[in-house]
Amino acid sequence: MLATKLAAALRRYSVSGGRPLVISEAVRHALEKHTPVVALESTIISHGMPYPQNLECAKHLEKIVNDQKATPATIAVIDSKIHIGLNERDLERLAEEGSKGKVRKTSRRDLAYCLTSG
């Protein structure tokens, strides 16, 4: 019941319309089909390791989740939007920019600022 309500609520969000939440098609599909979704932090990509090890690690973690028949949902704030489930380009961007110190570490206390400041 909760998963059905969550899936219905998430369908209302898209990249268009200036909404602050972007949900990947893979995550959206998994929620609608009631299959497992595993949330993964993006900190290890942007702040935890040097490039390209950070990117390799992120891809490896997502592969482990996929191998267990679940959908990985790496979460990050990109271009002032919360992304749930990253594509290859987003993973690479976080890895490269994070290794150059261009990615801000974000927590609940400064999430609003990051979403509104660009």
PDB file of N, CA and C in Angstrom:
ATOM      1  N   MET A   1       0.824  -1.190   0.000  1.00  0.00           N
ATOM      2  CA  MET A   1       0.000   0.000   0.000  1.00  0.00           C
ATOM      3  C   MET A   1       0.871   1.257   0.000  1.00  0.00           C
ATOM      4  N   LEU A   2       1.864   1.296   0.900  1.00  0.00           N
ATOM      5  CA  LEU A   2       2.754   2.447   0.961  1.00  0.00           C
ATOM      6  C   LEU A   2       3.544   2.581  -0.338  1.00  0.00           C
ATOM      7  N   ALA A   3       4.041   1.462  -0.871  1.00  0.00           N
ATOM      8  CA  ALA A   3       4.800   1.500  -2.116  1.00  0.00           C
ATOM      9  C   ALA A   3       3.936   2.021  -3.260  1.00  0.00           C
ATOM     10  N   THR A   4       2.675   1.645  -3.292  1.00  0.00           N
ATOM     11  CA  THR A   4       1.762   2.113  -4.330  1.00  0.00           C
ATOM     12  C   THR A   4       1.557   3.622  -4.225  1.00  0.00           C
ATOM     13  N   LYS A   5       1.374   4.113  -3.009  1.00  0.00           N
ATOM     14  CA  LYS A   5       1.201   5.556  -2.808  1.00  0.00           C
ATOM     15  C   LYS A   5       2.470   6.310  -3.170  1.00  0.00           C
ATOM     16  N   LEU A   6       3.620   5.745  -2.800  1.00  0.00           N
ATOM     17  CA  LEU A   6       4.892   6.383  -3.129  1.00  0.00           C
ATOM     18  C   LEU A   6       5.085   6.434  -4.631  1.00  0.00           C
ATOM     19  N   ALA A   7       4.820   5.333  -5.305  1.00  0.00           N
ATOM     20  CA  ALA A   7       4.972   5.290  -6.761  1.00  0.00           C
ATOM     21  C   ALA A   7       4.051   6.313  -7.420  1.00  0.00           C
ATOM     22  N   ALA A   8       2.828   6.425  -6.946  1.00  0.00           N
ATOM     23  CA  ALA A   8       1.884   7.393  -7.506  1.00  0.00           C
ATOM     24  C   ALA A   8       2.368   8.823  -7.282  1.00  0.00           C
ATOM     25  N   ALA A   9       2.881   9.094  -6.099  1.00  0.00           N
ATOM     26  CA  ALA A   9       3.394  10.438  -5.810  1.00  0.00           C
ATOM     27  C   ALA A   9       4.608  10.757  -6.672  1.00  0.00           C
ATOM     28  N   LEU A  10       5.479   9.776  -6.869  1.00  0.00           N
ATOM     29  CA  LEU A  10       6.687  10.010  -7.651  1.00  0.00           C
ATOM     30  C   LEU A  10       6.387  10.224  -9.127  1.00  0.00           C
ATOM     31  N   ARG A  11       5.307   9.665  -9.625  1.00  0.00           N
ATOM     32  CA  ARG A  11       4.943   9.853 -11.033  1.00  0.00           C
ATOM     33  C   ARG A  11       4.674  11.319 -11.352  1.00  0.00           C
ATOM     34  N   ARG A  12       4.308  12.081 -10.357  1.00  0.00           N
ATOM     35  CA  ARG A  12       4.001  13.500 -10.574  1.00  0.00           C
ATOM     36  C   ARG A  12       5.265  14.337 -10.796  1.00  0.00           C
ATOM     37  N   TYR A  13       6.422  13.780 -10.445  1.00  0.00           N
ATOM     38  CA  TYR A  13       7.657  14.537 -10.565  1.00  0.00           C
ATOM     39  C   TYR A  13       8.367  14.214 -11.864  1.00  0.00           C
ATOM     40  N   SER A  14       8.945  15.235 -12.452  1.00  0.00           N
ATOM     41  CA  SER A  14       9.738  15.047 -13.661  1.00  0.00           C
ATOM     42  C   SER A  14      10.765  16.157 -13.726  1.00  0.00           C
ATOM     43  N   VAL A  15      11.641  16.066 -14.694  1.00  0.00           N
ATOM     44  CA  VAL A  15      12.657  17.103 -14.860  1.00  0.00           C
ATOM     45  C   VAL A  15      11.995  18.414 -15.285  1.00  0.00           C
ATOM     46  N   SER A  16      10.916  18.334 -16.024  1.00  0.00           N
ATOM     47  CA  SER A  16      10.251  19.538 -16.511  1.00  0.00           C
ATOM     48  C   SER A  16       9.470  20.219 -15.395  1.00  0.00           C
ATOM     49  N   GLY A  17       9.136  21.432 -15.633  1.00  0.00           N
ATOM     50  CA  GLY A  17       8.304  22.171 -14.688  1.00  0.00           C
ATOM     51  C   GLY A  17       9.062  22.719 -13.497  1.00  0.00           C
ATOM     52  N   GLY A  18      10.377  22.663 -13.486  1.00  0.00           N
ATOM     53  CA  GLY A  18      11.154  23.240 -12.414  1.00  0.00           C
ATOM     54  C   GLY A  18      11.060  22.498 -11.099  1.00  0.00           C
ATOM     55  N   ARG A  19      10.587  21.273 -11.120  1.00  0.00           N
ATOM     56  CA  ARG A  19      10.476  20.498  -9.890  1.00  0.00           C
ATOM     57  C   ARG A  19      11.862  20.126  -9.383  1.00  0.00           C
ATOM     58  N   PRO A  20      12.033  20.112  -8.048  1.00  0.00           N
ATOM     59  CA  PRO A  20      13.364  19.879  -7.483  1.00  0.00           C
ATOM     60  C   PRO A  20      13.753  18.410  -7.362  1.00  0.00           C
ATOM     61  N   LEU A  21      12.922  17.483  -7.826  1.00  0.00           N
ATOM     62  CA  LEU A  21      13.187  16.061  -7.653  1.00  0.00           C
ATOM     63  C   LEU A  21      13.203  15.376  -9.011  1.00  0.00           C
ATOM     64  N   VAL A  22      14.310  14.690  -9.310  1.00  0.00           N
ATOM     65  CA  VAL A  22      14.450  13.964 -10.571  1.00  0.00           C
ATOM     66  C   VAL A  22      14.647  12.502 -10.230  1.00  0.00           C
ATOM     67  N   ILE A  23      13.722  11.675 -10.673  1.00  0.00           N
ATOM     68  CA  ILE A  23      13.773  10.241 -10.386  1.00  0.00           C
ATOM     69  C   ILE A  23      14.050   9.512 -11.684  1.00  0.00           C
ATOM     70  N   SER A  24      15.093   8.692 -11.692  1.00  0.00           N
ATOM     71  CA  SER A  24      15.447   7.974 -12.913  1.00  0.00           C
ATOM     72  C   SER A  24      14.333   7.030 -13.322  1.00  0.00           C
ATOM     73  N   GLU A  25      14.298   6.723 -14.603  1.00  0.00           N
ATOM     74  CA  GLU A  25      13.287   5.799 -15.116  1.00  0.00           C
ATOM     75  C   GLU A  25      13.427   4.428 -14.459  1.00  0.00           C
ATOM     76  N   ALA A  26      14.655   3.981 -14.230  1.00  0.00           N
ATOM     77  CA  ALA A  26      14.875   2.667 -13.610  1.00  0.00           C
ATOM     78  C   ALA A  26      14.289   2.620 -12.201  1.00  0.00           C
ATOM     79  N   VAL A  27      14.514   3.668 -11.428  1.00  0.00           N
ATOM     80  CA  VAL A  27      13.982   3.716 -10.058  1.00  0.00           C
ATOM     81  C   VAL A  27      12.463   3.827 -10.094  1.00  0.00           C
ATOM     82  N   ARG A  28      11.956   4.675 -10.956  1.00  0.00           N
ATOM     83  CA  ARG A  28      10.510   4.845 -11.084  1.00  0.00           C
ATOM     84  C   ARG A  28       9.852   3.505 -11.452  1.00  0.00           C
ATOM     85  N   HIS A  29      10.434   2.814 -12.405  1.00  0.00           N
ATOM     86  CA  HIS A  29       9.894   1.521 -12.847  1.00  0.00           C
ATOM     87  C   HIS A  29       9.920   0.506 -11.703  1.00  0.00           C
ATOM     88  N   ALA A  30      11.026   0.445 -10.976  1.00  0.00           N
ATOM     89  CA  ALA A  30      11.144  -0.506  -9.861  1.00  0.00           C
ATOM     90  C   ALA A  30      10.087  -0.228  -8.790  1.00  0.00           C
ATOM     91  N   LEU A  31       9.870   1.033  -8.470  1.00  0.00           N
ATOM     92  CA  LEU A  31       8.869   1.380  -7.462  1.00  0.00           C
ATOM     93  C   LEU A  31       7.467   1.009  -7.932  1.00  0.00           C
ATOM     94  N   GLU A  32       7.196   1.256  -9.196  1.00  0.00           N
ATOM     95  CA  GLU A  32       5.874   0.912  -9.723  1.00  0.00           C
ATOM     96  C   GLU A  32       5.648  -0.593  -9.740  1.00  0.00           C
ATOM     97  N   LYS A  33       6.718  -1.356  -9.976  1.00  0.00           N
ATOM     98  CA  LYS A  33       6.617  -2.821 -10.041  1.00  0.00           C
ATOM     99  C   LYS A  33       6.824  -3.480  -8.675  1.00  0.00           C
ATOM    100  N   HIS A  34       7.046  -2.655  -7.648  1.00  0.00           N
ATOM    101  CA  HIS A  34       7.243  -3.150  -6.279  1.00  0.00           C
ATOM    102  C   HIS A  34       8.458  -4.076  -6.164  1.00  0.00           C
ATOM    103  N   THR A  35       9.517  -3.732  -6.892  1.00  0.00           N
ATOM    104  CA  THR A  35      10.764  -4.478  -6.774  1.00  0.00           C
ATOM    105  C   THR A  35      11.740  -3.679  -5.915  1.00  0.00           C
ATOM    106  N   PRO A  36      12.739  -4.335  -5.328  1.00  0.00           N
ATOM    107  CA  PRO A  36      13.636  -3.651  -4.393  1.00  0.00           C
ATOM    108  C   PRO A  36      14.435  -2.505  -5.027  1.00  0.00           C
ATOM    109  N   VAL A  37      14.574  -1.446  -4.251  1.00  0.00           N
ATOM    110  CA  VAL A  37      15.397  -0.299  -4.614  1.00  0.00           C
ATOM    111  C   VAL A  37      16.352  -0.061  -3.455  1.00  0.00           C
ATOM    112  N   VAL A  38      17.639   0.108  -3.771  1.00  0.00           N
ATOM    113  CA  VAL A  38      18.654   0.332  -2.742  1.00  0.00           C
ATOM    114  C   VAL A  38      19.235   1.730  -2.921  1.00  0.00           C
ATOM    115  N   ALA A  39      19.073   2.576  -1.901  1.00  0.00           N
ATOM    116  CA  ALA A  39      19.621   3.930  -1.938  1.00  0.00           C
ATOM    117  C   ALA A  39      21.119   3.884  -1.656  1.00  0.00           C
ATOM    118  N   LEU A  40      21.879   4.592  -2.482  1.00  0.00           N
ATOM    119  CA  LEU A  40      23.330   4.691  -2.320  1.00  0.00           C
ATOM    120  C   LEU A  40      23.714   6.159  -2.235  1.00  0.00           C
ATOM    121  N   GLU A  41      24.573   6.485  -1.294  1.00  0.00           N
ATOM    122  CA  GLU A  41      25.040   7.866  -1.164  1.00  0.00           C
ATOM    123  C   GLU A  41      26.046   8.191  -2.252  1.00  0.00           C
ATOM    124  N   SER A  42      26.104   9.443  -2.619  1.00  0.00           N
ATOM    125  CA  SER A  42      27.069   9.877  -3.632  1.00  0.00           C
ATOM    126  C   SER A  42      28.362  10.417  -3.013  1.00  0.00           C
ATOM    127  N   THR A  43      28.428  10.470  -1.703  1.00  0.00           N
ATOM    128  CA  THR A  43      29.611  11.033  -1.041  1.00  0.00           C
ATOM    129  C   THR A  43      30.890  10.299  -1.410  1.00  0.00           C
ATOM    130  N   ILE A  44      30.819   8.982  -1.529  1.00  0.00           N
ATOM    131  CA  ILE A  44      32.024   8.221  -1.870  1.00  0.00           C
ATOM    132  C   ILE A  44      32.541   8.606  -3.253  1.00  0.00           C
ATOM    133  N   ILE A  45      31.638   9.025  -4.126  1.00  0.00           N
ATOM    134  CA  ILE A  45      32.030   9.440  -5.471  1.00  0.00           C
ATOM    135  C   ILE A  45      32.659  10.823  -5.432  1.00  0.00           C
ATOM    136  N   SER A  46      32.008  11.745  -4.746  1.00  0.00           N
ATOM    137  CA  SER A  46      32.435  13.140  -4.795  1.00  0.00           C
ATOM    138  C   SER A  46      33.489  13.528  -3.768  1.00  0.00           C
ATOM    139  N   HIS A  47      33.566  12.791  -2.641  1.00  0.00           N
ATOM    140  CA  HIS A  47      34.495  13.198  -1.588  1.00  0.00           C
ATOM    141  C   HIS A  47      35.315  12.060  -0.990  1.00  0.00           C
ATOM    142  N   GLY A  48      35.003  10.824  -1.313  1.00  0.00           N
ATOM    143  CA  GLY A  48      35.619   9.706  -0.611  1.00  0.00           C
ATOM    144  C   GLY A  48      36.897   9.161  -1.206  1.00  0.00           C
ATOM    145  N   MET A  49      37.077   9.283  -2.508  1.00  0.00           N
ATOM    146  CA  MET A  49      38.217   8.654  -3.177  1.00  0.00           C
ATOM    147  C   MET A  49      38.703   9.534  -4.319  1.00  0.00           C
ATOM    148  N   PRO A  50      39.929   9.320  -4.748  1.00  0.00           N
ATOM    149  CA  PRO A  50      40.430  10.067  -5.906  1.00  0.00           C
ATOM    150  C   PRO A  50      39.855   9.491  -7.207  1.00  0.00           C
ATOM    151  N   TYR A  51      39.864  10.322  -8.240  1.00  0.00           N
ATOM    152  CA  TYR A  51      39.437   9.890  -9.565  1.00  0.00           C
ATOM    153  C   TYR A  51      40.553   9.084 -10.204  1.00  0.00           C
ATOM    154  N   PRO A  52      40.318   8.005 -10.884  1.00  0.00           N
ATOM    155  CA  PRO A  52      39.067   7.396 -11.314  1.00  0.00           C
ATOM    156  C   PRO A  52      38.584   6.272 -10.385  1.00  0.00           C
ATOM    157  N   GLN A  53      39.280   6.064  -9.258  1.00  0.00           N
ATOM    158  CA  GLN A  53      38.853   5.007  -8.335  1.00  0.00           C
ATOM    159  C   GLN A  53      37.441   5.262  -7.808  1.00  0.00           C
ATOM    160  N   ASN A  54      37.095   6.527  -7.604  1.00  0.00           N
ATOM    161  CA  ASN A  54      35.762   6.851  -7.103  1.00  0.00           C
ATOM    162  C   ASN A  54      34.674   6.405  -8.085  1.00  0.00           C
ATOM    163  N   LEU A  55      34.914   6.623  -9.368  1.00  0.00           N
ATOM    164  CA  LEU A  55      33.951   6.223 -10.391  1.00  0.00           C
ATOM    165  C   LEU A  55      33.874   4.701 -10.485  1.00  0.00           C
ATOM    166  N   GLU A  56      35.016   4.043 -10.449  1.00  0.00           N
ATOM    167  CA  GLU A  56      35.046   2.573 -10.499  1.00  0.00           C
ATOM    168  C   GLU A  56      34.295   1.977  -9.305  1.00  0.00           C
ATOM    169  N   CYS A  57      34.486   2.555  -8.134  1.00  0.00           N
ATOM    170  CA  CYS A  57      33.816   2.073  -6.932  1.00  0.00           C
ATOM    171  C   CYS A  57      32.299   2.252  -7.051  1.00  0.00           C
ATOM    172  N   ALA A  58      31.863   3.416  -7.512  1.00  0.00           N
ATOM    173  CA  ALA A  58      30.430   3.678  -7.664  1.00  0.00           C
ATOM    174  C   ALA A  58      29.797   2.686  -8.633  1.00  0.00           C
ATOM    175  N   LYS A  59      30.468   2.442  -9.747  1.00  0.00           N
ATOM    176  CA  LYS A  59      29.943   1.486 -10.726  1.00  0.00           C
ATOM    177  C   LYS A  59      29.916   0.076 -10.146  1.00  0.00           C
ATOM    178  N   HIS A  60      30.938  -0.265  -9.383  1.00  0.00           N
ATOM    179  CA  HIS A  60      30.997  -1.591  -8.767  1.00  0.00           C
ATOM    180  C   HIS A  60      29.856  -1.775  -7.758  1.00  0.00           C
ATOM    181  N   LEU A  61      29.616  -0.768  -6.933  1.00  0.00           N
ATOM    182  CA  LEU A  61      28.525  -0.849  -5.963  1.00  0.00           C
ATOM    183  C   LEU A  61      27.171  -0.993  -6.660  1.00  0.00           C
ATOM    184  N   GLU A  62      26.967  -0.239  -7.727  1.00  0.00           N
ATOM    185  CA  GLU A  62      25.707  -0.351  -8.460  1.00  0.00           C
ATOM    186  C   GLU A  62      25.565  -1.734  -9.097  1.00  0.00           C
ATOM    187  N   LYS A  63      26.683  -2.300  -9.564  1.00  0.00           N
ATOM    188  CA  LYS A  63      26.653  -3.649 -10.143  1.00  0.00           C
ATOM    189  C   LYS A  63      26.280  -4.693  -9.092  1.00  0.00           C
ATOM    190  N   ILE A  64      26.820  -4.546  -7.896  1.00  0.00           N
ATOM    191  CA  ILE A  64      26.485  -5.477  -6.813  1.00  0.00           C
ATOM    192  C   ILE A  64      24.975  -5.442  -6.544  1.00  0.00           C
ATOM    193  N   VAL A  65      24.412  -4.251  -6.490  1.00  0.00           N
ATOM    194  CA  VAL A  65      22.975  -4.114  -6.255  1.00  0.00           C
ATOM    195  C   VAL A  65      22.196  -4.762  -7.398  1.00  0.00           C
ATOM    196  N   ASN A  66      22.595  -4.480  -8.633  1.00  0.00           N
ATOM    197  CA  ASN A  66      21.928  -5.079  -9.794  1.00  0.00           C
ATOM    198  C   ASN A  66      22.018  -6.601  -9.775  1.00  0.00           C
ATOM    199  N   ASP A  67      23.178  -7.119  -9.410  1.00  0.00           N
ATOM    200  CA  ASP A  67      23.378  -8.574  -9.363  1.00  0.00           C
ATOM    201  C   ASP A  67      22.456  -9.246  -8.348  1.00  0.00           C
ATOM    202  N   GLN A  68      22.017  -8.495  -7.366  1.00  0.00           N
ATOM    203  CA  GLN A  68      21.105  -9.031  -6.347  1.00  0.00           C
ATOM    204  C   GLN A  68      19.641  -8.775  -6.712  1.00  0.00           C
ATOM    205  N   LYS A  69      19.396  -8.422  -7.973  1.00  0.00           N
ATOM    206  CA  LYS A  69      18.029  -8.211  -8.485  1.00  0.00           C
ATOM    207  C   LYS A  69      17.319  -7.027  -7.837  1.00  0.00           C
ATOM    208  N   ALA A  70      18.101  -6.000  -7.535  1.00  0.00           N
ATOM    209  CA  ALA A  70      17.541  -4.761  -6.997  1.00  0.00           C
ATOM    210  C   ALA A  70      17.985  -3.613  -7.899  1.00  0.00           C
ATOM    211  N   THR A  71      17.352  -2.480  -7.738  1.00  0.00           N
ATOM    212  CA  THR A  71      17.687  -1.307  -8.533  1.00  0.00           C
ATOM    213  C   THR A  71      18.482  -0.323  -7.682  1.00  0.00           C
ATOM    214  N   PRO A  72      19.703   0.027  -8.125  1.00  0.00           N
ATOM    215  CA  PRO A  72      20.475   1.021  -7.373  1.00  0.00           C
ATOM    216  C   PRO A  72      19.900   2.417  -7.581  1.00  0.00           C
ATOM    217  N   ALA A  73      19.881   3.185  -6.512  1.00  0.00           N
ATOM    218  CA  ALA A  73      19.384   4.561  -6.573  1.00  0.00           C
ATOM    219  C   ALA A  73      20.408   5.460  -5.891  1.00  0.00           C
ATOM    220  N   THR A  74      21.484   5.767  -6.608  1.00  0.00           N
ATOM    221  CA  THR A  74      22.475   6.691  -6.073  1.00  0.00           C
ATOM    222  C   THR A  74      21.829   8.072  -6.028  1.00  0.00           C
ATOM    223  N   ILE A  75      21.998   8.755  -4.906  1.00  0.00           N
ATOM    224  CA  ILE A  75      21.309  10.025  -4.675  1.00  0.00           C
ATOM    225  C   ILE A  75      22.322  11.161  -4.610  1.00  0.00           C
ATOM    226  N   ALA A  76      22.026  12.242  -5.330  1.00  0.00           N
ATOM    227  CA  ALA A  76      22.905  13.406  -5.339  1.00  0.00           C
ATOM    228  C   ALA A  76      22.107  14.654  -5.702  1.00  0.00           C
ATOM    229  N   VAL A  77      22.618  15.806  -5.302  1.00  0.00           N
ATOM    230  CA  VAL A  77      22.056  17.077  -5.752  1.00  0.00           C
ATOM    231  C   VAL A  77      22.900  17.528  -6.933  1.00  0.00           C
ATOM    232  N   ILE A  78      22.258  17.650  -8.092  1.00  0.00           N
ATOM    233  CA  ILE A  78      22.946  18.064  -9.316  1.00  0.00           C
ATOM    234  C   ILE A  78      22.142  19.188  -9.947  1.00  0.00           C
ATOM    235  N   ASP A  79      22.802  20.283 -10.218  1.00  0.00           N
ATOM    236  CA  ASP A  79      22.153  21.446 -10.835  1.00  0.00           C
ATOM    237  C   ASP A  79      20.890  21.852 -10.074  1.00  0.00           C
ATOM    238  N   SER A  80      21.006  21.921  -8.764  1.00  0.00           N
ATOM    239  CA  SER A  80      19.933  22.367  -7.873  1.00  0.00           C
ATOM    240  C   SER A  80      18.700  21.471  -7.892  1.00  0.00           C
ATOM    241  N   LYS A  81      18.888  20.195  -8.202  1.00  0.00           N
ATOM    242  CA  LYS A  81      17.794  19.228  -8.163  1.00  0.00           C
ATOM    243  C   LYS A  81      18.279  17.965  -7.460  1.00  0.00           C
ATOM    244  N   ILE A  82      17.391  17.362  -6.692  1.00  0.00           N
ATOM    245  CA  ILE A  82      17.714  16.098  -6.042  1.00  0.00           C
ATOM    246  C   ILE A  82      17.491  14.989  -7.073  1.00  0.00           C
ATOM    247  N   HIS A  83      18.547  14.258  -7.365  1.00  0.00           N
ATOM    248  CA  HIS A  83      18.469  13.148  -8.317  1.00  0.00           C
ATOM    249  C   HIS A  83      18.467  11.843  -7.544  1.00  0.00           C
ATOM    250  N   ILE A  84      17.486  10.999  -7.831  1.00  0.00           N
ATOM    251  CA  ILE A  84      17.393   9.676  -7.228  1.00  0.00           C
ATOM    252  C   ILE A  84      17.582   8.675  -8.356  1.00  0.00           C
ATOM    253  N   GLY A  85      18.767   8.093  -8.388  1.00  0.00           N
ATOM    254  CA  GLY A  85      19.153   7.221  -9.497  1.00  0.00           C
ATOM    255  C   GLY A  85      19.926   8.046 -10.512  1.00  0.00           C
ATOM    256  N   LEU A  86      21.222   7.780 -10.632  1.00  0.00           N
ATOM    257  CA  LEU A  86      22.065   8.560 -11.540  1.00  0.00           C
ATOM    258  C   LEU A  86      22.380   7.770 -12.799  1.00  0.00           C
ATOM    259  N   ASN A  87      22.524   8.501 -13.898  1.00  0.00           N
ATOM    260  CA  ASN A  87      22.961   7.859 -15.132  1.00  0.00           C
ATOM    261  C   ASN A  87      24.494   7.903 -15.201  1.00  0.00           C
ATOM    262  N   GLU A  88      25.032   7.284 -16.213  1.00  0.00           N
ATOM    263  CA  GLU A  88      26.495   7.193 -16.385  1.00  0.00           C
ATOM    264  C   GLU A  88      27.139   8.580 -16.426  1.00  0.00           C
ATOM    265  N   ARG A  89      26.517   9.493 -17.157  1.00  0.00           N
ATOM    266  CA  ARG A  89      27.073  10.846 -17.289  1.00  0.00           C
ATOM    267  C   ARG A  89      27.112  11.564 -15.940  1.00  0.00           C
ATOM    268  N   ASP A  90      26.049  11.404 -15.138  1.00  0.00           N
ATOM    269  CA  ASP A  90      26.008  12.041 -13.817  1.00  0.00           C
ATOM    270  C   ASP A  90      27.072  11.458 -12.890  1.00  0.00           C
ATOM    271  N   LEU A  91      27.248  10.134 -12.928  1.00  0.00           N
ATOM    272  CA  LEU A  91      28.286   9.495 -12.105  1.00  0.00           C
ATOM    273  C   LEU A  91      29.659  10.029 -12.481  1.00  0.00           C
ATOM    274  N   GLU A  92      29.935  10.103 -13.779  1.00  0.00           N
ATOM    275  CA  GLU A  92      31.238  10.597 -14.248  1.00  0.00           C
ATOM    276  C   GLU A  92      31.443  12.056 -13.852  1.00  0.00           C
ATOM    277  N   ARG A  93      30.418  12.863 -13.994  1.00  0.00           N
ATOM    278  CA  ARG A  93      30.519  14.283 -13.629  1.00  0.00           C
ATOM    279  C   ARG A  93      30.840  14.452 -12.150  1.00  0.00           C
ATOM    280  N   LEU A  94      30.119  13.725 -11.282  1.00  0.00           N
ATOM    281  CA  LEU A  94      30.393  13.801  -9.844  1.00  0.00           C
ATOM    282  C   LEU A  94      31.807  13.346  -9.523  1.00  0.00           C
ATOM    283  N   ALA A  95      32.231  12.264 -10.173  1.00  0.00           N
ATOM    284  CA  ALA A  95      33.572  11.725  -9.910  1.00  0.00           C
ATOM    285  C   ALA A  95      34.656  12.724 -10.312  1.00  0.00           C
ATOM    286  N   GLU A  96      34.537  13.268 -11.505  1.00  0.00           N
ATOM    287  CA  GLU A  96      35.560  14.199 -11.993  1.00  0.00           C
ATOM    288  C   GLU A  96      35.551  15.512 -11.216  1.00  0.00           C
ATOM    289  N   GLU A  97      34.376  16.105 -11.045  1.00  0.00           N
ATOM    290  CA  GLU A  97      34.294  17.395 -10.354  1.00  0.00           C
ATOM    291  C   GLU A  97      34.593  17.253  -8.867  1.00  0.00           C
ATOM    292  N   GLY A  98      34.214  16.126  -8.293  1.00  0.00           N
ATOM    293  CA  GLY A  98      34.521  15.883  -6.885  1.00  0.00           C
ATOM    294  C   GLY A  98      36.009  15.804  -6.639  1.00  0.00           C
ATOM    295  N   SER A  99      36.734  15.172  -7.561  1.00  0.00           N
ATOM    296  CA  SER A  99      38.183  15.047  -7.390  1.00  0.00           C
ATOM    297  C   SER A  99      38.890  16.389  -7.534  1.00  0.00           C
ATOM    298  N   LYS A 100      38.223  17.355  -8.137  1.00  0.00           N
ATOM    299  CA  LYS A 100      38.782  18.705  -8.302  1.00  0.00           C
ATOM    300  C   LYS A 100      38.289  19.660  -7.218  1.00  0.00           C
ATOM    301  N   GLY A 101      37.513  19.141  -6.261  1.00  0.00           N
ATOM    302  CA  GLY A 101      36.999  19.983  -5.186  1.00  0.00           C
ATOM    303  C   GLY A 101      35.861  20.891  -5.594  1.00  0.00           C
ATOM    304  N   LYS A 102      35.171  20.562  -6.680  1.00  0.00           N
ATOM    305  CA  LYS A 102      34.096  21.412  -7.190  1.00  0.00           C
ATOM    306  C   LYS A 102      32.704  20.969  -6.747  1.00  0.00           C
ATOM    307  N   VAL A 103      32.631  19.943  -5.891  1.00  0.00           N
ATOM    308  CA  VAL A 103      31.342  19.445  -5.433  1.00  0.00           C
ATOM    309  C   VAL A 103      31.182  19.766  -3.961  1.00  0.00           C
ATOM    310  N   ARG A 104      30.067  20.352  -3.617  1.00  0.00           N
ATOM    311  CA  ARG A 104      29.795  20.725  -2.236  1.00  0.00           C
ATOM    312  C   ARG A 104      29.227  19.525  -1.487  1.00  0.00           C
ATOM    313  N   LYS A 105      29.750  19.264  -0.311  1.00  0.00           N
ATOM    314  CA  LYS A 105      29.199  18.220   0.542  1.00  0.00           C
ATOM    315  C   LYS A 105      27.935  18.773   1.188  1.00  0.00           C
ATOM    316  N   THR A 106      26.837  18.038   1.060  1.00  0.00           N
ATOM    317  CA  THR A 106      25.535  18.548   1.469  1.00  0.00           C
ATOM    318  C   THR A 106      24.890  17.642   2.507  1.00  0.00           C
ATOM    319  N   SER A 107      24.261  18.248   3.479  1.00  0.00           N
ATOM    320  CA  SER A 107      23.498  17.500   4.478  1.00  0.00           C
ATOM    321  C   SER A 107      22.131  18.170   4.611  1.00  0.00           C
ATOM    322  N   ARG A 108      21.309  17.648   5.498  1.00  0.00           N
ATOM    323  CA  ARG A 108      19.965  18.222   5.672  1.00  0.00           C
ATOM    324  C   ARG A 108      20.006  19.700   5.998  1.00  0.00           C
ATOM    325  N   ARG A 109      20.990  20.118   6.784  1.00  0.00           N
ATOM    326  CA  ARG A 109      20.999  21.511   7.239  1.00  0.00           C
ATOM    327  C   ARG A 109      21.195  22.515   6.111  1.00  0.00           C
ATOM    328  N   ASP A 110      21.893  22.118   5.020  1.00  0.00           N
ATOM    329  CA  ASP A 110      22.112  23.067   3.940  1.00  0.00           C
ATOM    330  C   ASP A 110      21.471  22.633   2.625  1.00  0.00           C
ATOM    331  N   LEU A 111      20.573  21.688   2.675  1.00  0.00           N
ATOM    332  CA  LEU A 111      19.917  21.205   1.466  1.00  0.00           C
ATOM    333  C   LEU A 111      19.105  22.317   0.789  1.00  0.00           C
ATOM    334  N   ALA A 112      18.349  23.063   1.560  1.00  0.00           N
ATOM    335  CA  ALA A 112      17.542  24.145   0.976  1.00  0.00           C
ATOM    336  C   ALA A 112      18.435  25.161   0.256  1.00  0.00           C
ATOM    337  N   TYR A 113      19.547  25.501   0.868  1.00  0.00           N
ATOM    338  CA  TYR A 113      20.476  26.448   0.246  1.00  0.00           C
ATOM    339  C   TYR A 113      20.989  25.905  -1.089  1.00  0.00           C
ATOM    340  N   CYS A 114      21.381  24.632  -1.105  1.00  0.00           N
ATOM    341  CA  CYS A 114      21.919  24.027  -2.319  1.00  0.00           C
ATOM    342  C   CYS A 114      20.857  23.935  -3.428  1.00  0.00           C
ATOM    343  N   LEU A 115      19.621  23.723  -3.045  1.00  0.00           N
ATOM    344  CA  LEU A 115      18.563  23.612  -4.035  1.00  0.00           C
ATOM    345  C   LEU A 115      18.182  24.980  -4.624  1.00  0.00           C
ATOM    346  N   THR A 116      18.439  26.035  -3.895  1.00  0.00           N
ATOM    347  CA  THR A 116      18.030  27.355  -4.375  1.00  0.00           C
ATOM    348  C   THR A 116      19.183  28.207  -4.892  1.00  0.00           C
ATOM    349  N   SER A 117      20.411  27.811  -4.610  1.00  0.00           N
ATOM    350  CA  SER A 117      21.548  28.672  -4.967  1.00  0.00           C
ATOM    351  C   SER A 117      22.198  28.330  -6.301  1.00  0.00           C
ATOM    352  N   GLY A 118      21.861  27.215  -6.874  1.00  0.00           N
ATOM    353  CA  GLY A 118      22.483  26.806  -8.138  1.00  0.00           C
ATOM    354  C   GLY A 118      23.812  26.181  -7.904  1.00  0.00           C
TER     355      GLY A 118
END
